Amino acid sequence: MVARASDSQNGQKRDQSPENAIVESIAAENLEDLAADSFEAVLDSLVADGPLKDIPIIGSVLKIYRAGADIREAMFVRKLIRFLYCLHDVPENDRRKFVRKMDADPELKQELGEKLIIVLDRLDDLKKADLVAAALRARMNEQITLKDFHALMVVIDRIILVYMDDYLQLYWLENPFVASYADRCDQLQTCDLFRRRPERGSGFGLIHHEKSDLSNLFFRFLVPFDKSAIRQDFLLTMKNMPITKPIDEAGYLEEKLNYERATTLINQLDDAAFMGLRLQQVQINQKDNEWCLRHLGELTFQKFWKTPGV
């Protein structure tokens, strides 16, 4: 799949295996340059011996394209470039520190490189490269162990991305509105993210599931969400809703007061409630200002009175 490359270190050229090259590439200083307007523009830069050629694994990529890549190899290169770009926001010093740590254990470095190449090659969705990068970022930050990293690679391989919103509801919300609830739970169980809850049945003929420890790592580190963006979108939606009261001073003040109350309430929400707002955005767009305020109040109430358990 990936040809052997050569790189320069301390002024001397040496052959480098693809497994080591991909790990070395993590510390490259110009990963953000991989975010060209199009994949073809990135390849043009590579073929033209631009600055991207200094990324170690790129030598292998060039050999693939100069030799004439088939569809599978072309897709691998796309996934590889997307994976590397997703690491560009990790501080370069942190990436270099991680690679130096790998250099101290050549066997571990080889194992990591092999795992990354195998996993990227197997991905059935280009977006899954983002998840692989997120898992590696969590490993660099020591938020997960090496065993966790390998387990998450299996999850990424098995998970069906098109159902991600359903999965997010099942993980974050206590009362998810998922049409194919049982099917989605079974899919998460296949990924080792859910497990069947023992000695509990459902009055609707469904088997209850509970989150696994691995699901906490997956949904918190690999599928993060921007709470500030959710907050901004919700408040902007409220602000732009049609005025429901007569356009006089009293009506204007009431709408303004509702907005200020919403701003106060939304700052008290926990992660699950923020995810609920994100998933319910379409429903929120169809409501009025007062409904949004009541909804926020209910979410805030649930935060303080939530019963323990899953």
Protein backbone atom coordinates (compact mmCIF):
# COMPACT_ATOMS: atom_id res chain seq x y z
CA MET A 1 0.00 0.00 0.00
CA VAL A 2 2.70 2.52 0.98
CA ALA A 3 6.15 2.50 -0.56
CA ARG A 4 9.35 2.83 1.42
CA ALA A 5 10.49 6.44 1.68
CA SER A 6 13.76 8.14 2.44
CA ASP A 7 14.23 11.17 4.65
CA SER A 8 16.98 13.44 5.82
CA GLN A 9 18.06 13.55 9.43
CA ASN A 10 21.18 15.25 10.79
CA GLY A 11 22.29 15.82 7.21
CA GLN A 12 22.31 12.11 6.34
CA LYS A 13 19.85 10.27 4.17
CA ARG A 14 18.42 7.03 5.45
CA ASP A 15 15.69 4.68 4.34
CA GLN A 16 12.56 4.84 6.45
CA SER A 17 9.73 2.38 6.62
CA PRO A 18 6.19 3.69 6.00
CA GLU A 19 5.30 2.74 9.58
CA ASN A 20 8.02 4.99 11.00
CA ALA A 21 7.38 7.68 8.39
CA ILE A 22 3.74 8.15 9.36
CA VAL A 23 4.70 8.55 13.03
CA GLU A 24 7.45 11.02 12.11
CA SER A 25 4.93 12.96 10.01
CA ILE A 26 2.88 13.71 13.12
CA ALA A 27 5.53 16.22 14.19
CA ALA A 28 5.76 18.01 10.81
CA GLU A 29 5.55 21.78 11.14
CA ASN A 30 3.40 22.45 8.07
CA LEU A 31 0.43 20.09 8.49
CA GLU A 32 -1.98 23.02 8.10
CA ASP A 33 -0.79 23.34 4.49
CA LEU A 34 -2.59 20.09 3.74
CA ALA A 35 -5.88 22.00 3.91
CA ALA A 36 -5.86 23.22 0.32
CA ASP A 37 -9.11 24.12 -1.39
CA SER A 38 -9.19 20.70 -3.00
CA PHE A 39 -7.47 17.35 -2.75
CA GLU A 40 -6.07 17.83 -6.24
CA ALA A 41 -4.45 21.12 -5.16
CA VAL A 42 -2.66 19.28 -2.35
CA LEU A 43 -1.39 16.66 -4.79
CA ASP A 44 -0.22 19.37 -7.19
CA SER A 45 1.84 20.83 -4.35
CA LEU A 46 3.34 17.43 -3.62
CA VAL A 47 4.21 16.63 -7.21
CA ALA A 48 5.73 20.11 -7.64
CA ASP A 49 8.12 19.37 -4.77
CA GLY A 50 6.56 22.10 -2.63
CA PRO A 51 6.99 22.50 1.13
CA LEU A 52 4.74 19.52 1.82
CA LYS A 53 7.42 17.15 0.55
CA ASP A 54 9.23 17.71 3.87
CA ILE A 55 6.54 15.68 5.65
CA PRO A 56 8.19 12.21 5.92
CA ILE A 57 5.26 10.07 4.77
CA ILE A 58 4.80 12.30 1.71
CA GLY A 59 7.74 10.61 0.00
CA SER A 60 5.77 7.40 0.03
CA VAL A 61 2.66 9.21 -1.23
CA LEU A 62 4.60 10.67 -4.15
CA LYS A 63 5.88 7.23 -5.14
CA ILE A 64 2.31 5.93 -5.19
CA TYR A 65 1.10 8.73 -7.48
CA ARG A 66 4.11 8.80 -9.74
CA ALA A 67 3.71 5.06 -10.25
CA GLY A 68 0.00 5.49 -11.01
CA ALA A 69 -2.36 4.78 -8.13
CA ASP A 70 -5.49 2.66 -8.36
CA ILE A 71 -8.76 3.75 -6.70
CA ARG A 72 -8.01 2.09 -3.36
CA GLU A 73 -4.57 3.67 -3.12
CA ALA A 74 -5.98 7.06 -4.12
CA MET A 75 -8.56 6.80 -1.34
CA PHE A 76 -5.85 5.81 1.14
CA VAL A 77 -3.89 8.94 0.26
CA ARG A 78 -7.03 11.07 0.77
CA LYS A 79 -7.58 9.53 4.21
CA LEU A 80 -3.92 9.94 5.12
CA ILE A 81 -3.87 13.64 4.17
CA ARG A 82 -7.11 14.30 6.06
CA PHE A 83 -5.77 12.45 9.13
CA LEU A 84 -2.55 14.50 9.19
CA TYR A 85 -4.39 17.79 8.65
CA CYS A 86 -6.68 17.06 11.62
CA LEU A 87 -3.58 17.04 13.84
CA HIS A 88 -2.40 20.50 12.78
CA ASP A 89 -4.13 22.23 15.70
CA VAL A 90 -2.15 20.20 18.23
CA PRO A 91 0.78 22.44 19.27
CA GLU A 92 3.88 21.49 17.32
CA ASN A 93 5.93 21.14 20.51
CA ASP A 94 3.43 18.60 21.83
CA ARG A 95 3.60 16.63 18.60
CA ARG A 96 7.40 16.66 18.61
CA LYS A 97 7.46 15.56 22.24
CA PHE A 98 5.18 12.64 21.39
CA VAL A 99 7.34 11.54 18.46
CA ARG A 100 10.49 11.75 20.61
CA LYS A 101 8.77 9.50 23.11
CA MET A 102 8.06 7.05 20.30
CA ASP A 103 11.72 7.27 19.16
CA ALA A 104 12.76 6.03 22.59
CA ASP A 105 10.84 2.80 21.98
CA PRO A 106 11.35 1.72 18.33
CA GLU A 107 9.14 -1.34 18.73
CA LEU A 108 6.25 0.75 20.04
CA LYS A 109 6.79 3.30 17.28
CA GLN A 110 6.68 0.58 14.62
CA GLU A 111 3.52 -0.86 16.18
CA LEU A 112 1.79 2.52 16.20
CA GLY A 113 2.74 3.21 12.59
CA GLU A 114 1.45 -0.19 11.49
CA LYS A 115 -1.81 0.36 13.36
CA LEU A 116 -2.36 3.78 11.76
CA ILE A 117 -1.68 2.51 8.24
CA ILE A 118 -3.92 -0.54 8.67
CA VAL A 119 -6.75 1.46 10.22
CA LEU A 120 -6.64 4.28 7.65
CA ASP A 121 -6.63 1.73 4.83
CA ARG A 122 -9.72 -0.01 6.25
CA LEU A 123 -11.82 3.11 6.81
CA ASP A 124 -15.09 3.00 4.87
CA ASP A 125 -15.76 6.73 5.26
CA LEU A 126 -13.35 9.60 4.71
CA LYS A 127 -14.73 11.39 7.79
CA LYS A 128 -13.52 8.55 9.99
CA ALA A 129 -9.98 9.87 9.49
CA ASP A 130 -11.06 12.75 11.77
CA LEU A 131 -11.90 10.22 14.51
CA VAL A 132 -8.54 8.46 14.14
CA ALA A 133 -6.79 11.82 14.53
CA ALA A 134 -8.96 12.67 17.56
CA ALA A 135 -8.02 9.37 19.21
CA LEU A 136 -4.32 10.01 18.60
CA ARG A 137 -4.73 13.56 19.97
CA ALA A 138 -6.29 12.12 23.14
CA ARG A 139 -3.36 9.69 23.42
CA MET A 140 -0.84 12.54 23.00
CA ASN A 141 -2.60 14.43 25.80
CA GLU A 142 -2.56 11.27 27.95
CA GLN A 143 -6.33 11.37 28.24
CA ILE A 144 -6.48 7.73 27.15
CA THR A 145 -4.13 4.77 27.54
CA LEU A 146 -2.46 2.85 24.72
CA LYS A 147 -4.97 0.02 25.22
CA ASP A 148 -7.80 2.54 24.99
CA PHE A 149 -6.34 3.83 21.72
CA HIS A 150 -6.29 0.36 20.18
CA ALA A 151 -9.82 -0.33 21.41
CA LEU A 152 -11.05 2.95 19.89
CA MET A 153 -9.53 1.95 16.54
CA VAL A 154 -11.88 -1.07 16.56
CA VAL A 155 -14.84 1.20 17.39
CA ILE A 156 -13.99 3.55 14.52
CA ASP A 157 -13.75 0.63 12.12
CA ARG A 158 -17.18 -0.71 13.10
CA ILE A 159 -19.28 2.40 13.70
CA ILE A 160 -21.78 3.63 11.07
CA LEU A 161 -21.31 7.39 10.79
CA VAL A 162 -24.63 8.12 9.08
CA TYR A 163 -26.38 7.32 12.38
CA MET A 164 -24.12 9.53 14.52
CA ASP A 165 -26.91 11.89 15.62
CA ASP A 166 -28.91 8.89 16.86
CA TYR A 167 -25.84 7.61 18.72
CA LEU A 168 -25.31 11.03 20.29
CA GLN A 169 -28.90 11.08 21.54
CA LEU A 170 -28.55 7.60 23.01
CA TYR A 171 -25.38 8.59 24.82
CA TRP A 172 -26.21 12.12 26.03
CA LEU A 173 -29.99 12.19 26.51
CA GLU A 174 -31.92 10.26 29.10
CA ASN A 175 -35.06 10.22 26.95
CA PRO A 176 -33.81 9.98 23.36
CA PHE A 177 -36.25 10.22 20.45
CA VAL A 178 -34.63 7.60 18.23
CA ALA A 179 -37.03 5.83 15.87
CA SER A 180 -34.91 2.68 15.57
CA TYR A 181 -33.92 2.65 19.24
CA ALA A 182 -33.26 -1.10 19.52
CA ASP A 183 -31.33 -1.26 16.23
CA ARG A 184 -29.11 1.66 17.16
CA CYS A 185 -28.42 0.21 20.62
CA ASP A 186 -27.49 -3.10 19.04
CA GLN A 187 -25.14 -1.30 16.65
CA LEU A 188 -23.45 0.45 19.57
CA GLN A 189 -23.20 -2.88 21.35
CA THR A 190 -21.42 -4.31 18.29
CA CYS A 191 -18.94 -1.44 18.64
CA ASP A 192 -18.47 -2.21 22.38
CA LEU A 193 -19.90 1.21 23.23
CA PHE A 194 -23.09 -0.15 24.83
CA ARG A 195 -23.76 -3.32 26.75
CA ARG A 196 -26.99 -5.00 27.68
CA ARG A 197 -28.19 -4.05 31.12
CA PRO A 198 -28.65 -7.23 33.20
CA GLU A 199 -31.89 -8.12 34.97
CA ARG A 200 -33.88 -5.28 33.45
CA GLY A 201 -36.52 -5.57 30.80
CA SER A 202 -38.70 -3.12 28.99
CA GLY A 203 -42.47 -2.88 29.03
CA PHE A 204 -42.25 -2.25 25.28
CA GLY A 205 -40.40 -5.49 24.58
CA LEU A 206 -37.02 -3.79 24.27
CA ILE A 207 -33.88 -4.77 26.12
CA HIS A 208 -32.26 -1.94 28.04
CA HIS A 209 -28.68 -1.01 27.33
CA GLU A 210 -26.11 0.90 29.33
CA LYS A 211 -22.99 2.80 28.38
CA SER A 212 -19.63 1.09 28.49
CA ASP A 213 -16.48 2.75 29.80
CA LEU A 214 -15.26 2.84 26.20
CA SER A 215 -18.31 4.88 25.16
CA ASN A 216 -17.32 7.62 27.61
CA LEU A 217 -13.93 7.88 25.89
CA PHE A 218 -15.42 7.80 22.39
CA PHE A 219 -18.14 10.40 22.84
CA ARG A 220 -16.17 12.76 25.07
CA PHE A 221 -12.82 12.78 23.29
CA LEU A 222 -13.53 11.69 19.70
CA VAL A 223 -16.90 13.38 19.11
CA PRO A 224 -16.57 16.67 21.00
CA PHE A 225 -18.96 19.56 20.51
CA ASP A 226 -18.50 23.28 20.79
CA LYS A 227 -20.74 24.48 23.60
CA SER A 228 -20.06 28.12 22.85
CA ALA A 229 -21.25 27.63 19.25
CA ILE A 230 -24.41 25.82 20.42
CA ARG A 231 -25.07 28.60 22.93
CA GLN A 232 -24.59 31.28 20.27
CA ASP A 233 -26.84 29.51 17.73
CA PHE A 234 -29.65 29.02 20.26
CA LEU A 235 -29.61 32.60 21.49
CA LEU A 236 -29.38 33.91 17.93
CA THR A 237 -32.39 31.78 16.99
CA MET A 238 -34.34 33.26 19.90
CA LYS A 239 -33.27 36.79 19.05
CA ASN A 240 -34.38 36.42 15.42
CA MET A 241 -37.77 34.89 16.21
CA PRO A 242 -40.82 36.93 15.21
CA ILE A 243 -42.15 39.19 17.95
CA THR A 244 -45.22 37.51 19.43
CA LYS A 245 -46.40 40.51 21.45
CA PRO A 246 -47.69 43.84 20.15
CA ILE A 247 -44.84 46.06 19.04
CA ASP A 248 -45.03 48.52 21.90
CA GLU A 249 -42.73 49.30 24.76
CA ALA A 250 -44.19 46.59 27.01
CA GLY A 251 -43.94 43.91 24.31
CA TYR A 252 -40.40 44.88 23.42
CA LEU A 253 -39.30 44.83 27.06
CA GLU A 254 -40.86 41.39 27.58
CA GLU A 255 -39.07 39.93 24.57
CA LYS A 256 -35.80 41.47 25.76
CA LEU A 257 -36.37 40.09 29.26
CA ASN A 258 -37.02 36.61 27.84
CA TYR A 259 -33.72 36.80 25.96
CA GLU A 260 -31.84 37.89 29.09
CA ARG A 261 -33.44 35.07 31.10
CA ALA A 262 -32.46 32.59 28.38
CA THR A 263 -28.88 33.85 28.52
CA THR A 264 -28.80 33.27 32.27
CA LEU A 265 -30.37 29.81 32.06
CA ILE A 266 -28.22 28.53 29.22
CA ASN A 267 -25.07 29.26 31.21
CA GLN A 268 -26.27 26.77 33.84
CA LEU A 269 -26.67 23.80 31.49
CA ASP A 270 -24.51 20.70 31.67
CA ASP A 271 -22.97 18.83 28.72
CA ALA A 272 -25.99 16.59 28.17
CA ALA A 273 -28.35 19.57 28.02
CA PHE A 274 -26.08 21.37 25.53
CA MET A 275 -26.10 18.28 23.32
CA GLY A 276 -29.89 18.23 23.61
CA LEU A 277 -30.01 21.79 22.31
CA ARG A 278 -27.80 20.87 19.38
CA LEU A 279 -29.85 17.84 18.41
CA GLN A 280 -33.16 19.70 18.81
CA GLN A 281 -32.17 22.75 16.74
CA VAL A 282 -34.63 21.95 13.94
CA GLN A 283 -37.47 21.64 16.44
CA ILE A 284 -36.41 24.87 18.16
CA ASN A 285 -36.52 26.75 14.85
CA GLN A 286 -40.23 25.96 14.59
CA LYS A 287 -41.12 27.32 18.04
CA ASP A 288 -41.53 30.76 19.53
CA ASN A 289 -39.57 32.77 22.06
CA GLU A 290 -41.61 31.72 25.06
CA TRP A 291 -41.34 28.00 24.20
CA CYS A 292 -37.54 28.32 24.04
CA LEU A 293 -37.50 29.97 27.46
CA ARG A 294 -39.68 27.22 28.97
CA HIS A 295 -37.49 24.57 27.33
CA LEU A 296 -34.35 26.07 28.85
CA GLY A 297 -36.05 26.19 32.24
CA GLU A 298 -36.92 22.50 32.00
CA LEU A 299 -33.36 21.58 31.04
CA THR A 300 -32.00 23.61 33.96
CA PHE A 301 -34.46 21.96 36.34
CA GLN A 302 -33.44 18.50 35.12
CA LYS A 303 -29.78 19.34 35.75
CA PHE A 304 -30.39 19.87 39.47
CA TRP A 305 -32.98 17.11 39.95
CA LYS A 306 -31.62 14.40 37.67
CA THR A 307 -31.87 10.95 39.22
CA PRO A 308 -28.62 8.95 39.42
CA GLY A 309 -27.91 6.19 36.97
CA VAL A 310 -27.87 5.82 33.22
